[in-house]
Amino acid sequence: MNAISLSELLKRSEEDETIGKMKVLSVLESLPGLGKVKARRLMETVGISESRRLQGLGVNQREALLAHTAKP
């Protein structure tokens, strides 16, 4: 199994249309330690709509997601 970090996925979403069309909520729910409830709560905290796709994220939203999902 090949794992990819959230930061790498966000970088790839800028160039790869298929990745860019993935919903942010689905990506967050697939991260270890984040379930449906925590993913929705994180998106609400950062100010991201549940229907937002990776390609539609702004710079500040990307940075906020990375900061909130970074392992201490």
C-alpha atoms as a PDB file:
ATOM      1  CA  MET A   1       0.000   0.000   0.000  1.00  0.00           C
ATOM      2  CA  ASN A   2       1.375   3.394  -0.959  1.00  0.00           C
ATOM      3  CA  ALA A   3       0.527   6.209   1.403  1.00  0.00           C
ATOM      4  CA  ILE A   4       0.538   9.852   0.399  1.00  0.00           C
ATOM      5  CA  SER A   5       0.610  12.818   2.743  1.00  0.00           C
ATOM      6  CA  LEU A   6      -2.059  15.505   2.721  1.00  0.00           C
ATOM      7  CA  SER A   7       0.505  18.107   1.667  1.00  0.00           C
ATOM      8  CA  GLU A   8       1.569  15.978  -1.315  1.00  0.00           C
ATOM      9  CA  LEU A   9      -2.062  15.392  -2.281  1.00  0.00           C
ATOM     10  CA  LEU A  10      -2.743  19.133  -2.178  1.00  0.00           C
ATOM     11  CA  LYS A  11       0.292  19.781  -4.405  1.00  0.00           C
ATOM     12  CA  ARG A  12      -0.815  17.144  -6.894  1.00  0.00           C
ATOM     13  CA  SER A  13      -4.353  18.545  -6.974  1.00  0.00           C
ATOM     14  CA  GLU A  14      -3.019  21.690  -8.662  1.00  0.00           C
ATOM     15  CA  GLU A  15      -1.793  19.684 -11.664  1.00  0.00           C
ATOM     16  CA  ASP A  16      -3.947  16.544 -11.721  1.00  0.00           C
ATOM     17  CA  GLU A  17      -7.575  17.257 -12.577  1.00  0.00           C
ATOM     18  CA  THR A  18      -8.774  13.912 -11.187  1.00  0.00           C
ATOM     19  CA  ILE A  19      -7.243  14.617  -7.776  1.00  0.00           C
ATOM     20  CA  GLY A  20      -8.427  18.219  -7.889  1.00  0.00           C
ATOM     21  CA  LYS A  21     -12.036  17.077  -8.236  1.00  0.00           C
ATOM     22  CA  MET A  22     -11.922  15.014  -5.037  1.00  0.00           C
ATOM     23  CA  LYS A  23     -14.088  16.386  -2.236  1.00  0.00           C
ATOM     24  CA  VAL A  24     -12.151  17.764   0.716  1.00  0.00           C
ATOM     25  CA  LEU A  25     -14.488  16.007   3.149  1.00  0.00           C
ATOM     26  CA  SER A  26     -13.785  12.594   1.575  1.00  0.00           C
ATOM     27  CA  VAL A  27     -10.043  13.178   1.751  1.00  0.00           C
ATOM     28  CA  LEU A  28     -10.173  14.245   5.398  1.00  0.00           C
ATOM     29  CA  GLU A  29     -12.378  11.298   6.356  1.00  0.00           C
ATOM     30  CA  SER A  30      -9.778   8.943   4.873  1.00  0.00           C
ATOM     31  CA  LEU A  31      -6.966  10.300   7.049  1.00  0.00           C
ATOM     32  CA  PRO A  32      -5.934   8.162  10.022  1.00  0.00           C
ATOM     33  CA  GLY A  33      -7.434   9.479  13.243  1.00  0.00           C
ATOM     34  CA  LEU A  34     -10.085  11.582  11.520  1.00  0.00           C
ATOM     35  CA  GLY A  35     -13.565  10.178  11.167  1.00  0.00           C
ATOM     36  CA  LYS A  36     -16.687  11.720   9.750  1.00  0.00           C
ATOM     37  CA  VAL A  37     -17.449  13.858  12.796  1.00  0.00           C
ATOM     38  CA  LYS A  38     -13.917  15.202  13.274  1.00  0.00           C
ATOM     39  CA  ALA A  39     -13.534  15.865   9.543  1.00  0.00           C
ATOM     40  CA  ARG A  40     -16.754  17.898   9.435  1.00  0.00           C
ATOM     41  CA  ARG A  41     -15.776  19.770  12.585  1.00  0.00           C
ATOM     42  CA  LEU A  42     -12.357  20.597  11.114  1.00  0.00           C
ATOM     43  CA  MET A  43     -13.900  21.877   7.895  1.00  0.00           C
ATOM     44  CA  GLU A  44     -16.304  24.040   9.876  1.00  0.00           C
ATOM     45  CA  THR A  45     -13.441  25.409  11.983  1.00  0.00           C
ATOM     46  CA  VAL A  46     -11.373  26.261   8.906  1.00  0.00           C
ATOM     47  CA  GLY A  47     -14.388  27.650   7.036  1.00  0.00           C
ATOM     48  CA  ILE A  48     -14.647  25.158   4.196  1.00  0.00           C
ATOM     49  CA  SER A  49     -17.986  24.183   2.687  1.00  0.00           C
ATOM     50  CA  GLU A  50     -18.800  20.445   2.703  1.00  0.00           C
ATOM     51  CA  SER A  51     -19.166  20.528  -1.085  1.00  0.00           C
ATOM     52  CA  ARG A  52     -15.700  22.066  -1.681  1.00  0.00           C
ATOM     53  CA  ARG A  53     -13.254  20.172  -3.853  1.00  0.00           C
ATOM     54  CA  LEU A  54      -9.465  20.148  -3.482  1.00  0.00           C
ATOM     55  CA  GLN A  55      -8.904  22.368  -6.530  1.00  0.00           C
ATOM     56  CA  GLY A  56     -11.198  25.013  -5.029  1.00  0.00           C
ATOM     57  CA  LEU A  57      -9.252  25.495  -1.812  1.00  0.00           C
ATOM     58  CA  GLY A  58      -7.524  28.801  -1.235  1.00  0.00           C
ATOM     59  CA  VAL A  59      -3.982  29.177   0.063  1.00  0.00           C
ATOM     60  CA  ASN A  60      -5.139  30.037   3.593  1.00  0.00           C
ATOM     61  CA  GLN A  61      -7.519  27.085   3.674  1.00  0.00           C
ATOM     62  CA  ARG A  62      -4.762  24.704   2.545  1.00  0.00           C
ATOM     63  CA  GLU A  63      -2.380  26.024   5.184  1.00  0.00           C
ATOM     64  CA  ALA A  64      -5.045  25.766   7.894  1.00  0.00           C
ATOM     65  CA  LEU A  65      -5.820  22.156   6.964  1.00  0.00           C
ATOM     66  CA  LEU A  66      -2.148  21.238   7.013  1.00  0.00           C
ATOM     67  CA  ALA A  67      -1.671  22.967  10.380  1.00  0.00           C
ATOM     68  CA  HIS A  68      -4.663  21.185  11.934  1.00  0.00           C
ATOM     69  CA  THR A  69      -3.714  17.753  10.596  1.00  0.00           C
ATOM     70  CA  ALA A  70       0.036  17.946  11.285  1.00  0.00           C
ATOM     71  CA  LYS A  71       1.277  15.424  13.789  1.00  0.00           C
ATOM     72  CA  PRO A  72       2.870  17.037  16.859  1.00  0.00           C
END
